[in-house]
Amino acid sequence: MTTPPIGPSDLLITYAGPDGFSTVDAISNVAKSNGARVVFLTAQPDTGTSVKYASVVAYIPAKTMANDDGEKERVLLPMGSLYEGAMFVLFEMVVYKLGVVLKFES
């Protein structure tokens, strides 16, 4: 990946449904050490290491693979599908609102 250096005026948005991941932690640590703000989106805010790098932790209340307890009843969206769907809708709305704020017209 090729990107410009992250700095104090930047915002890094990260997410991990269950817990956190070493790659998310590493990237967040670099961003934080360079003065950037870090937003961490998760379905399990009380677990994991990624929250320690975050300026803000946002809770997305959705089932993930980590809390899929294998219910016997049929569920519409098993495993992490509900969380992934919630993230898709959230990011689509963020892009839409950015377009409005930045006065982007297609």
Foldseek 3Di string as FASTA:
>chain_A
DDDPQAAQVAEAEEEDAPADDPVLQVVLVSNVVRNYAYEYEYQDQVHYDNNVSHPYYHHDPDAAQVPQPPDPDDDPQGHHRRVVVSVVVVVVVVVVVVCVVVVPDD
